[in-house]
Amino acid sequence: MWLGLCLTKSLAVFTAISFIVAVTTVTPQIMLPLVGDLAPPHRRAAALSIVVSGLMLGILVARVLSGTMANFISWRYVYWMSFALQYLIFVMLWLFMPDYPSTNPTGMNYFQLLWSILIMLTKHPVLVQACITGFFTSATFTSFWTTLTFLLAGPPYHYDPLIIGLFGLIGIAGMCFGPLYARFVTDRFVPHLSVFVGEFLCLVGISLGTYVGTFNIAGPVIQAALLDFGMQTAQIANRSSIYAIEPKRRNGVNTAFMVFTFCGQLMGTAAGNHIYADGGWIASGSASVGFILCAALTMCVRGPWERGWVGWRGGGSMIKKDKGSADGKTAEVAHHTKEGGKDEEDGGKGLCAEERVLAELAADGQHEVPLKDESEVEKEKVSEKSGRSSREDDIRPVKI
């Protein structure tokens, strides 16, 4: 399909192929649940943050690189380069990606799987809370990056496309700092705290960029950095929390979350363009402030220890009660075992793939004779020999 994008000269064909390519690009959404399954629960946020940072970094670098290339050579070379990179990724996955058995080897067809995702949304309040938060946060992200081009290309800046494209590099700092934050904060406290921190950073960045950006370039620069880091922080915390609710259905959980996220991105792009056309930069930025406040309100409706849909029962403590879990309260089971997805309980300790294998071997050997040191073995040999000699003396014939 990608070859068609490189060769076609028809806009209609190009649009149709682009749609098909977008629909079938599911690799990132498969990798994230896999990482969530393989990583120990108490280190899941850090592992997810590394993968998400790579994804976001790829988006930012691609934006800058494609804009730079198109400024000097034909845009088709961008697609040819992407074509070569995809085959390089395919070869690397073939060589280095191990096989994993299904974690849910049921006979459900595609439509039953889709229906089960809707059922999950009626069973798990934390999933709905994360989906709504992700919807509004993603809307602010796409609204900003869509309307930023209009602001920088117009008065008072009048930047050319190359300079505008370089703004994507601002988000690299947040991408690099994200895994460190996830390791030392998100993994040590309940996800609620990091979601609040992420939304607060987004609110500060959007406010500064909106009301300073029309006369000072520092506003959009600060907004780009804080918005990228804040959105990543909130998303990683939400993923770490929702991946604990149904360990055998993490792909389904991720599907529900990403549908809301993509819908938020579409809404943010459309709303940002229309509001900017009618009211300008400040109007579109004010709408983003409203989106972030809606996301923060969604998190305030339900506390970190609440089992129901609304309330703060259990208190507002942000300290994990179970240090070995991802959300501070849910003990999880291992998957991807050698028996094709059969669950083996980890006792809530959050074992990684290698540790699970060792645990299985230990479980298999529970009824075997424990190992002894060399001194005990020598003593047993000596006692066995003496016992054998005494028995031989007892049965030796006596001369009369």
Protein backbone atom coordinates (compact mmCIF):
# COMPACT_ATOMS: atom_id res chain seq x y z
CA MET A 1 0.00 0.00 0.00
CA TRP A 2 2.80 2.41 0.86
CA LEU A 3 4.28 1.92 -2.58
CA GLY A 4 1.08 3.39 -4.00
CA LEU A 5 1.62 6.56 -1.95
CA CYS A 6 5.08 6.88 -3.47
CA LEU A 7 3.92 6.47 -7.07
CA THR A 8 0.37 7.78 -7.43
CA LYS A 9 -0.36 11.13 -9.08
CA SER A 10 -4.07 11.17 -8.25
CA LEU A 11 -5.24 13.05 -5.16
CA ALA A 12 -8.28 10.78 -4.75
CA VAL A 13 -6.12 7.64 -4.87
CA PHE A 14 -3.59 9.20 -2.51
CA THR A 15 -6.36 10.04 -0.02
CA ALA A 16 -7.90 6.56 -0.22
CA ILE A 17 -4.56 4.80 0.27
CA SER A 18 -3.68 7.12 3.15
CA PHE A 19 -6.94 6.15 4.86
CA ILE A 20 -6.26 2.43 4.45
CA VAL A 21 -2.69 2.83 5.72
CA ALA A 22 -3.92 4.74 8.76
CA VAL A 23 -6.55 2.10 9.58
CA THR A 24 -4.08 -0.79 9.30
CA THR A 25 -1.24 0.84 11.27
CA VAL A 26 -1.82 -1.03 14.52
CA THR A 27 1.73 -2.02 15.52
CA PRO A 28 2.14 0.67 18.22
CA GLN A 29 -1.16 -0.32 19.80
CA ILE A 30 -0.02 -3.95 19.93
CA MET A 31 3.38 -3.14 21.40
CA LEU A 32 2.04 -1.08 24.30
CA PRO A 33 -0.18 -3.82 25.83
CA LEU A 34 2.64 -6.32 25.25
CA VAL A 35 5.05 -4.11 27.19
CA GLY A 36 2.43 -3.70 29.91
CA ASP A 37 2.13 -7.48 30.12
CA LEU A 38 5.85 -8.27 30.20
CA ALA A 39 6.97 -5.51 32.57
CA PRO A 40 6.64 -6.07 36.33
CA PRO A 41 3.59 -4.17 37.62
CA HIS A 42 5.67 -2.02 39.97
CA ARG A 43 7.88 -0.97 37.00
CA ARG A 44 5.16 -0.81 34.35
CA ALA A 45 4.94 2.98 34.16
CA ALA A 46 8.67 3.31 33.47
CA ALA A 47 8.55 0.63 30.75
CA LEU A 48 5.49 2.18 29.10
CA SER A 49 7.06 5.63 29.29
CA ILE A 50 10.13 4.43 27.39
CA VAL A 51 7.98 3.02 24.58
CA VAL A 52 5.67 6.04 24.44
CA SER A 53 8.68 8.37 24.42
CA GLY A 54 10.00 6.47 21.42
CA LEU A 55 6.65 6.78 19.65
CA MET A 56 6.32 10.48 20.39
CA LEU A 57 9.94 11.11 19.50
CA GLY A 58 9.37 9.41 16.16
CA ILE A 59 6.37 11.65 15.48
CA LEU A 60 8.30 14.81 16.36
CA VAL A 61 11.42 13.87 14.40
CA ALA A 62 9.32 12.80 11.41
CA ARG A 63 7.52 16.13 11.44
CA VAL A 64 10.77 18.09 11.49
CA LEU A 65 12.58 15.85 9.00
CA SER A 66 9.73 15.73 6.50
CA GLY A 67 9.28 19.49 6.62
CA THR A 68 12.99 20.05 6.08
CA MET A 69 13.19 17.59 3.18
CA ALA A 70 10.10 18.97 1.49
CA ASN A 71 11.59 22.45 1.73
CA PHE A 72 14.58 21.46 -0.43
CA ILE A 73 13.55 18.40 -2.47
CA SER A 74 10.35 16.73 -3.65
CA TRP A 75 7.90 15.52 -1.03
CA ARG A 76 7.92 12.07 -2.67
CA TYR A 77 11.38 11.43 -1.27
CA VAL A 78 9.85 11.59 2.21
CA TYR A 79 7.54 8.70 1.33
CA TRP A 80 10.33 6.71 -0.30
CA MET A 81 12.40 7.09 2.86
CA SER A 82 9.44 5.94 4.96
CA PHE A 83 9.01 2.97 2.62
CA ALA A 84 12.62 1.89 3.25
CA LEU A 85 12.33 2.41 7.01
CA GLN A 86 9.25 0.19 7.21
CA TYR A 87 11.10 -2.71 5.61
CA LEU A 88 14.02 -2.13 7.94
CA ILE A 89 11.65 -2.35 10.91
CA PHE A 90 10.13 -5.52 9.46
CA VAL A 91 13.55 -7.18 9.23
CA MET A 92 14.47 -6.13 12.77
CA LEU A 93 11.20 -7.50 14.17
CA TRP A 94 11.74 -10.76 12.31
CA LEU A 95 15.23 -11.12 13.77
CA PHE A 96 14.73 -9.91 17.33
CA MET A 97 11.04 -10.14 18.24
CA PRO A 98 10.33 -13.41 20.11
CA ASP A 99 7.07 -15.32 19.77
CA TYR A 100 4.51 -15.04 22.54
CA PRO A 101 1.47 -17.26 23.03
CA SER A 102 -1.98 -15.74 23.22
CA THR A 103 -2.98 -14.55 26.70
CA ASN A 104 -6.65 -15.14 25.91
CA PRO A 105 -6.96 -18.10 23.51
CA THR A 106 -10.77 -18.08 23.29
CA GLY A 107 -13.04 -18.76 20.34
CA MET A 108 -14.45 -15.22 20.21
CA ASN A 109 -14.80 -13.71 16.76
CA TYR A 110 -14.01 -10.10 15.86
CA PHE A 111 -17.49 -8.71 16.53
CA GLN A 112 -17.70 -10.51 19.87
CA LEU A 113 -14.37 -8.96 20.84
CA LEU A 114 -15.69 -5.50 19.95
CA TRP A 115 -18.83 -6.13 21.99
CA SER A 116 -16.76 -7.28 24.95
CA ILE A 117 -14.91 -3.94 24.87
CA LEU A 118 -18.23 -2.13 25.27
CA ILE A 119 -19.07 -4.43 28.16
CA MET A 120 -15.78 -3.53 29.84
CA LEU A 121 -16.76 0.14 29.76
CA THR A 122 -19.86 -0.70 31.80
CA LYS A 123 -17.92 -2.75 34.37
CA HIS A 124 -14.83 -0.68 35.16
CA PRO A 125 -15.21 2.93 36.36
CA VAL A 126 -11.45 3.50 36.25
CA LEU A 127 -11.43 2.69 32.52
CA VAL A 128 -14.20 5.19 31.78
CA GLN A 129 -12.44 7.82 33.88
CA ALA A 130 -9.17 7.28 32.00
CA CYS A 131 -10.94 7.35 28.61
CA ILE A 132 -12.70 10.66 29.30
CA THR A 133 -9.49 12.20 30.65
CA GLY A 134 -7.55 11.02 27.61
CA PHE A 135 -10.24 12.40 25.30
CA PHE A 136 -9.99 15.97 26.59
CA THR A 137 -6.21 15.94 27.04
CA SER A 138 -5.62 14.72 23.48
CA ALA A 139 -7.97 17.39 22.16
CA THR A 140 -5.74 20.12 23.59
CA PHE A 141 -2.64 18.51 22.07
CA THR A 142 -3.86 18.41 18.48
CA SER A 143 -5.60 21.77 18.75
CA PHE A 144 -2.33 23.42 19.76
CA TRP A 145 -0.12 21.85 17.09
CA THR A 146 -2.72 22.51 14.37
CA THR A 147 -3.26 26.19 15.15
CA LEU A 148 0.40 26.87 16.00
CA THR A 149 1.24 26.89 12.30
CA PHE A 150 -1.29 29.67 11.68
CA LEU A 151 0.09 31.75 14.56
CA LEU A 152 3.75 31.46 13.55
CA ALA A 153 3.07 32.03 9.85
CA GLY A 154 1.06 35.19 10.52
CA PRO A 155 1.77 38.46 12.31
CA PRO A 156 3.83 39.30 14.30
CA TYR A 157 6.21 36.36 13.54
CA HIS A 158 5.95 35.55 9.79
CA TYR A 159 8.14 32.43 10.14
CA ASP A 160 8.80 30.28 7.09
CA PRO A 161 7.78 26.57 7.04
CA LEU A 162 11.29 25.40 7.95
CA ILE A 163 11.37 27.39 11.20
CA ILE A 164 7.83 26.30 12.05
CA GLY A 165 8.82 22.67 11.56
CA LEU A 166 11.75 23.04 13.95
CA PHE A 167 9.28 23.80 16.75
CA GLY A 168 8.70 20.07 16.92
CA LEU A 169 12.14 19.68 18.48
CA ILE A 170 10.92 21.47 21.62
CA GLY A 171 9.04 18.37 22.71
CA ILE A 172 12.20 16.24 22.75
CA ALA A 173 13.10 17.45 26.26
CA GLY A 174 9.79 16.20 27.61
CA MET A 175 10.16 12.88 25.81
CA CYS A 176 13.58 12.33 27.39
CA PHE A 177 12.50 13.37 30.89
CA GLY A 178 9.32 11.26 30.81
CA PRO A 179 10.87 7.85 31.63
CA LEU A 180 12.75 9.34 34.59
CA TYR A 181 9.57 10.85 36.00
CA ALA A 182 7.70 7.57 35.50
CA ARG A 183 10.45 5.60 37.26
CA PHE A 184 10.73 7.82 40.32
CA VAL A 185 7.17 9.18 40.69
CA THR A 186 4.53 7.26 38.72
CA ASP A 187 5.83 3.85 39.79
CA ARG A 188 6.05 4.90 43.46
CA PHE A 189 2.66 6.55 43.90
CA VAL A 190 -0.87 5.83 42.73
CA PRO A 191 -1.55 6.84 39.09
CA HIS A 192 -4.01 9.51 40.25
CA LEU A 193 -1.16 11.73 41.40
CA SER A 194 0.67 11.68 38.07
CA VAL A 195 -2.55 12.36 36.15
CA PHE A 196 -3.15 15.45 38.29
CA VAL A 197 0.46 16.56 37.76
CA GLY A 198 0.16 16.07 34.01
CA GLU A 199 -3.10 18.00 33.77
CA PHE A 200 -1.68 20.83 35.89
CA LEU A 201 1.37 21.13 33.62
CA CYS A 202 -0.88 21.18 30.56
CA LEU A 203 -3.03 23.90 32.14
CA VAL A 204 -0.01 26.07 32.97
CA GLY A 205 1.50 25.62 29.51
CA ILE A 206 -1.75 26.34 27.65
CA SER A 207 -2.48 29.41 29.77
CA LEU A 208 0.97 30.89 29.17
CA GLY A 209 0.97 30.09 25.46
CA THR A 210 -2.55 31.40 24.91
CA TYR A 211 -2.31 34.75 26.62
CA VAL A 212 1.39 35.48 25.93
CA GLY A 213 1.84 33.90 22.51
CA THR A 214 0.31 36.74 20.51
CA PHE A 215 3.20 39.08 21.37
CA ASN A 216 6.06 36.91 22.72
CA ILE A 217 7.42 33.70 21.21
CA ALA A 218 8.31 32.40 24.68
CA GLY A 219 4.63 31.58 25.26
CA PRO A 220 4.27 28.96 22.50
CA VAL A 221 7.73 27.55 23.32
CA ILE A 222 6.79 26.96 26.97
CA GLN A 223 3.40 25.62 25.96
CA ALA A 224 4.94 23.10 23.55
CA ALA A 225 7.32 21.77 26.22
CA LEU A 226 4.81 21.59 29.09
CA LEU A 227 1.95 20.28 26.96
CA ASP A 228 4.01 17.42 25.52
CA PHE A 229 5.39 16.39 28.90
CA GLY A 230 2.07 16.83 30.71
CA MET A 231 0.11 14.80 28.20
CA GLN A 232 2.68 12.00 28.25
CA THR A 233 2.68 11.95 32.06
CA ALA A 234 -1.11 11.72 32.25
CA GLN A 235 -1.34 9.07 29.53
CA ILE A 236 1.32 6.84 31.07
CA ALA A 237 -0.35 7.02 34.48
CA ASN A 238 -3.76 6.19 33.00
CA ARG A 239 -2.35 3.25 31.03
CA SER A 240 -0.55 1.92 34.09
CA SER A 241 -3.83 2.01 35.99
CA ILE A 242 -6.18 0.51 33.40
CA TYR A 243 -3.82 -2.32 32.39
CA ALA A 244 -4.35 -3.77 35.87
CA ILE A 245 -8.12 -4.23 35.61
CA GLU A 246 -8.22 -7.18 33.16
CA PRO A 247 -4.73 -8.61 32.62
CA LYS A 248 -5.98 -11.12 30.03
CA ARG A 249 -7.68 -8.39 27.99
CA ARG A 250 -5.06 -5.65 27.89
CA ASN A 251 -5.42 -5.27 24.12
CA GLY A 252 -9.15 -4.71 24.55
CA VAL A 253 -8.56 -2.23 27.37
CA ASN A 254 -6.01 -0.40 25.21
CA THR A 255 -8.48 -0.34 22.31
CA ALA A 256 -11.13 1.37 24.41
CA PHE A 257 -8.63 3.93 25.68
CA MET A 258 -7.19 4.70 22.25
CA VAL A 259 -10.62 5.05 20.59
CA PHE A 260 -11.41 7.85 23.04
CA THR A 261 -7.93 9.31 22.58
CA PHE A 262 -8.18 9.38 18.78
CA CYS A 263 -11.69 10.83 18.94
CA GLY A 264 -10.33 13.56 21.20
CA GLN A 265 -7.58 14.28 18.69
CA LEU A 266 -10.10 14.57 15.87
CA MET A 267 -12.34 16.82 17.93
CA GLY A 268 -9.39 19.00 18.97
CA THR A 269 -8.23 19.41 15.37
CA ALA A 270 -11.68 20.31 14.07
CA ALA A 271 -12.60 22.56 16.99
CA GLY A 272 -9.21 24.28 17.01
CA ASN A 273 -9.39 25.12 13.30
CA HIS A 274 -12.94 26.45 13.44
CA ILE A 275 -12.43 28.46 16.61
CA TYR A 276 -9.16 29.92 15.33
CA ALA A 277 -10.84 30.93 12.07
CA ASP A 278 -13.59 32.74 13.98
CA GLY A 279 -11.78 34.14 17.03
CA GLY A 280 -8.04 33.73 16.56
CA TRP A 281 -5.29 32.31 18.75
CA ILE A 282 -6.68 33.42 22.12
CA ALA A 283 -10.11 31.95 21.41
CA SER A 284 -8.74 28.54 20.40
CA GLY A 285 -6.37 28.52 23.38
CA SER A 286 -9.22 29.39 25.75
CA ALA A 287 -11.13 26.40 24.41
CA SER A 288 -8.11 24.21 25.22
CA VAL A 289 -8.11 25.60 28.77
CA GLY A 290 -11.72 24.45 29.02
CA PHE A 291 -10.78 20.98 27.74
CA ILE A 292 -8.07 20.61 30.38
CA LEU A 293 -10.43 21.76 33.14
CA CYS A 294 -12.93 19.09 32.00
CA ALA A 295 -10.18 16.45 32.23
CA ALA A 296 -9.18 17.62 35.72
CA LEU A 297 -12.83 17.64 36.83
CA THR A 298 -13.19 14.05 35.61
CA MET A 299 -10.28 13.03 37.84
CA CYS A 300 -11.77 14.90 40.81
CA VAL A 301 -15.09 13.07 40.56
CA ARG A 302 -13.56 9.73 41.55
CA GLY A 303 -10.74 9.13 44.05
CA PRO A 304 -7.81 6.71 43.75
CA TRP A 305 -9.31 4.14 46.14
CA GLU A 306 -12.94 4.45 45.06
CA ARG A 307 -14.44 1.16 43.81
CA GLY A 308 -17.63 2.74 42.47
CA TRP A 309 -18.34 5.36 39.86
CA VAL A 310 -18.31 8.51 41.99
CA GLY A 311 -16.78 9.40 45.34
CA TRP A 312 -13.61 9.37 47.37
CA ARG A 313 -14.29 6.37 49.61
CA GLY A 314 -11.02 5.00 50.93
CA GLY A 315 -9.48 8.45 51.31
CA GLY A 316 -7.28 10.59 49.14
CA SER A 317 -3.89 9.12 49.99
CA MET A 318 -1.52 8.98 47.02
CA ILE A 319 0.77 6.38 48.62
CA LYS A 320 0.58 2.85 47.24
CA LYS A 321 -0.79 0.27 49.67
CA ASP A 322 0.64 -2.58 47.59
CA LYS A 323 4.15 -1.60 46.48
CA GLY A 324 4.32 -4.48 43.99
CA SER A 325 1.25 -3.44 41.99
CA ALA A 326 0.81 -0.87 39.25
CA ASP A 327 -2.15 0.99 40.77
CA GLY A 328 -1.25 0.39 44.42
CA LYS A 329 -4.08 -2.04 45.15
CA THR A 330 -4.52 -4.72 42.45
CA ALA A 331 -2.45 -7.90 42.56
CA GLU A 332 -1.97 -9.28 39.06
CA VAL A 333 -1.17 -12.63 37.46
CA ALA A 334 1.48 -13.59 34.95
CA HIS A 335 0.86 -14.28 31.28
CA HIS A 336 2.76 -15.50 28.22
CA THR A 337 3.70 -18.71 30.01
CA LYS A 338 4.90 -21.79 28.16
CA GLU A 339 1.40 -23.32 28.40
CA GLY A 340 -0.13 -20.97 25.87
CA GLY A 341 -1.59 -18.30 28.07
CA LYS A 342 -2.55 -20.26 31.18
CA ASP A 343 -2.38 -18.01 34.22
CA GLU A 344 0.19 -18.64 36.88
CA GLU A 345 -0.24 -16.51 39.98
CA ASP A 346 2.67 -14.33 40.99
CA GLY A 347 1.24 -13.56 44.39
CA GLY A 348 1.04 -9.87 43.48
CA LYS A 349 4.80 -9.51 43.36
CA GLY A 350 4.93 -8.30 39.78
CA LEU A 351 7.35 -10.74 38.19
CA CYS A 352 8.91 -10.01 34.81
CA ALA A 353 9.19 -12.61 32.07
CA GLU A 354 12.49 -14.11 33.24
CA GLU A 355 11.37 -14.15 36.87
CA ARG A 356 8.16 -15.92 35.88
CA VAL A 357 10.14 -18.74 34.26
CA LEU A 358 12.16 -19.14 37.45
CA ALA A 359 8.96 -19.13 39.48
CA GLU A 360 7.52 -21.88 37.29
CA LEU A 361 10.63 -24.00 37.73
CA ALA A 362 10.48 -23.46 41.47
CA ALA A 363 6.81 -24.44 41.52
CA ASP A 364 7.55 -27.61 39.56
CA GLY A 365 10.17 -28.60 42.09
CA GLN A 366 8.12 -28.01 45.25
CA HIS A 367 7.74 -31.73 45.96
CA GLU A 368 11.34 -32.69 45.27
CA VAL A 369 13.94 -33.40 47.95
CA PRO A 370 15.64 -30.11 48.86
CA LEU A 371 19.32 -29.69 48.04
CA LYS A 372 21.89 -30.23 50.79
CA ASP A 373 25.41 -29.03 51.19
CA GLU A 374 28.44 -31.29 50.65
CA SER A 375 29.11 -31.97 54.34
CA GLU A 376 25.62 -33.33 54.88
CA VAL A 377 25.92 -35.50 51.78
CA GLU A 378 29.24 -36.97 53.01
CA LYS A 379 27.75 -37.71 56.43
CA GLU A 380 24.83 -39.51 54.83
CA LYS A 381 27.20 -41.60 52.69
CA VAL A 382 29.24 -42.60 55.77
CA SER A 383 26.14 -43.48 57.78
CA GLU A 384 24.76 -45.45 54.84
CA LYS A 385 27.99 -47.47 54.53
CA SER A 386 28.10 -48.20 58.26
CA GLY A 387 24.45 -49.25 58.21
CA ARG A 388 25.10 -51.54 55.25
CA SER A 389 28.09 -53.18 56.98
CA SER A 390 26.12 -53.74 60.18
CA ARG A 391 23.34 -55.43 58.23
CA GLU A 392 25.90 -57.67 56.49
CA ASP A 393 27.30 -58.70 59.88
CA ASP A 394 23.83 -59.63 61.05
CA ILE A 395 23.21 -61.99 58.14
CA ARG A 396 26.78 -63.48 58.01
CA PRO A 397 26.69 -67.28 58.74
CA VAL A 398 28.14 -68.33 62.09
CA LYS A 399 30.45 -71.40 62.36
CA ILE A 400 29.39 -73.98 64.96
